[in-house]
Protein backbone atom coordinates (compact mmCIF):
# COMPACT_ATOMS: atom_id res chain seq x y z
CA MET A 1 102.58 96.42 110.71
CA GLN A 2 104.76 98.11 108.08
CA LYS A 3 104.29 95.23 105.62
CA LEU A 4 100.53 95.40 106.15
CA THR A 5 100.61 99.10 105.31
CA TYR A 6 102.54 98.42 102.10
CA PHE A 7 100.13 95.63 101.19
CA LEU A 8 97.10 97.90 101.74
CA VAL A 9 98.64 100.78 99.76
CA ALA A 10 99.52 98.40 96.93
CA LEU A 11 96.00 96.96 96.95
CA LEU A 12 94.49 100.46 96.96
CA SER A 13 96.84 101.56 94.16
CA GLY A 14 95.83 98.61 92.02
CA LEU A 15 92.14 99.16 92.73
CA LEU A 16 92.27 102.87 91.91
CA ASN A 17 94.37 102.21 88.85
CA GLY A 18 91.88 99.68 87.53
CA LEU A 19 88.90 101.92 88.26
CA PHE A 20 90.26 105.35 87.36
CA ALA A 21 93.06 104.79 84.82
CA SER A 22 96.33 105.46 86.64
CA GLY A 23 94.71 106.86 89.77
CA GLY A 24 96.82 104.42 91.75
CA GLY A 25 99.78 106.78 91.66
CA ILE A 26 98.30 109.08 94.29
CA PRO A 27 98.42 106.65 97.24
CA ALA A 28 101.72 105.27 95.92
CA VAL A 29 103.34 108.73 96.04
CA ALA A 30 102.06 109.22 99.59
CA CYS A 31 103.42 105.83 100.65
CA PHE A 32 106.83 106.43 99.09
CA LYS A 33 107.02 109.86 100.72
CA LYS A 34 106.22 108.27 104.08
CA LYS A 35 109.07 105.80 103.46
CA GLY A 36 111.40 108.80 103.22
CA LEU A 37 111.74 109.30 99.48
CA LYS A 38 112.00 112.84 98.17
CA GLN A 39 109.04 114.13 96.16
CA LYS A 40 110.78 113.59 92.80
CA ASN A 41 111.83 110.06 93.69
CA ALA A 42 108.37 109.23 95.07
CA GLN A 43 106.68 110.42 91.90
CA ALA A 44 109.12 108.60 89.62
CA THR A 45 108.81 105.38 91.63
CA ALA A 46 105.01 105.66 91.68
CA LEU A 47 105.13 106.09 87.90
CA CYS A 48 106.94 102.77 87.64
CA VAL A 49 104.28 101.11 89.78
CA THR A 50 101.38 102.67 87.89
CA PHE A 51 102.95 101.78 84.55
CA LEU A 52 102.88 98.11 85.41
CA LEU A 53 99.41 98.35 86.96
CA SER A 54 98.18 100.23 83.89
CA LEU A 55 99.57 97.55 81.61
CA ILE A 56 97.59 94.89 83.47
CA SER A 57 94.44 97.05 83.41
CA LEU A 58 94.99 97.72 79.70
CA LEU A 59 95.15 94.01 78.92
CA TYR A 60 92.02 93.34 80.93
CA TYR A 61 90.12 96.19 79.26
CA TYR A 62 91.31 95.01 75.85
CA TYR A 63 90.13 91.44 76.37
CA LYS A 64 86.77 92.63 77.74
CA GLY A 65 86.24 94.85 74.68
CA PHE A 66 86.34 98.21 76.52
CA LEU A 67 89.40 99.57 74.72
CA ASN A 68 89.03 101.79 71.64
CA ILE A 69 92.55 101.74 70.21
CA HIS A 70 91.76 104.26 67.46
CA ASP A 71 90.78 106.93 70.00
CA ALA A 72 93.90 106.21 72.06
CA LEU A 73 96.22 106.50 69.06
CA ILE A 74 95.21 110.14 68.51
CA TYR A 75 96.72 111.13 71.88
CA ILE A 76 99.96 109.14 71.79
CA PRO A 77 101.98 111.28 69.32
CA PHE A 78 101.26 114.40 71.37
CA GLY A 79 101.51 112.66 74.73
CA ILE A 80 105.08 111.51 74.13
CA PRO A 81 106.55 115.04 73.91
CA GLY A 82 104.41 115.99 76.92
CA ALA A 83 105.81 113.07 78.91
CA LEU A 84 109.36 114.03 77.96
CA LEU A 85 108.74 117.66 78.91
CA GLY A 86 107.16 116.61 82.21
CA SER A 87 110.13 114.38 83.01
CA PHE A 88 112.53 117.21 82.20
CA LEU A 89 110.57 119.65 84.37
CA LEU A 90 110.41 117.13 87.23
CA LYS A 91 114.20 117.12 87.32
CA LYS A 92 114.35 120.93 87.42
CA ALA A 93 111.49 121.70 89.83
CA PRO A 94 112.24 122.17 93.54
CA ASP A 95 110.55 119.57 95.78
CA LYS A 96 108.58 122.24 97.66
CA ILE A 97 106.99 123.57 94.47
CA LEU A 98 106.48 120.07 93.12
CA ARG A 99 104.56 119.05 96.26
CA LYS A 100 102.29 122.07 95.95
CA VAL A 101 101.64 121.56 92.24
CA PHE A 102 100.94 117.86 92.83
CA SER A 103 98.53 118.71 95.66
CA LEU A 104 96.75 121.35 93.58
CA PHE A 105 96.39 118.90 90.70
CA ILE A 106 94.82 116.31 93.01
CA ILE A 107 92.40 118.91 94.40
CA TRP A 108 91.53 120.17 90.89
CA ALA A 109 90.91 116.62 89.65
CA GLY A 110 88.73 115.84 92.66
CA VAL A 111 86.64 118.99 92.32
CA ARG A 112 86.27 118.43 88.59
CA MET A 113 85.05 114.88 89.12
CA LEU A 114 82.45 116.09 91.64
CA PHE A 115 80.92 118.40 89.05
């Protein structure tokens, strides 16, 4: 039963990642938390999963002609310092606060997508 759960979460993560650009991290974090990982470890591990899933989605989008590399390149130089800052803050933030911020971000993203 446990392997079936992992399979379904992985399938859902891949599906969401392909549809919503890295949205697969949300069920992955929940699955890793259920396995007993701390919030920081769950988020970092989910990032590893979504990185690989994103790479596969990126290649598919590229070959299908959906990718506009020029638009993406504008964000990368500013995204790198943001990623480094986020990684630094992840290490410093208490798990309790991190869980709440993560939950609020998910709620905010969901509400924003509805409207």
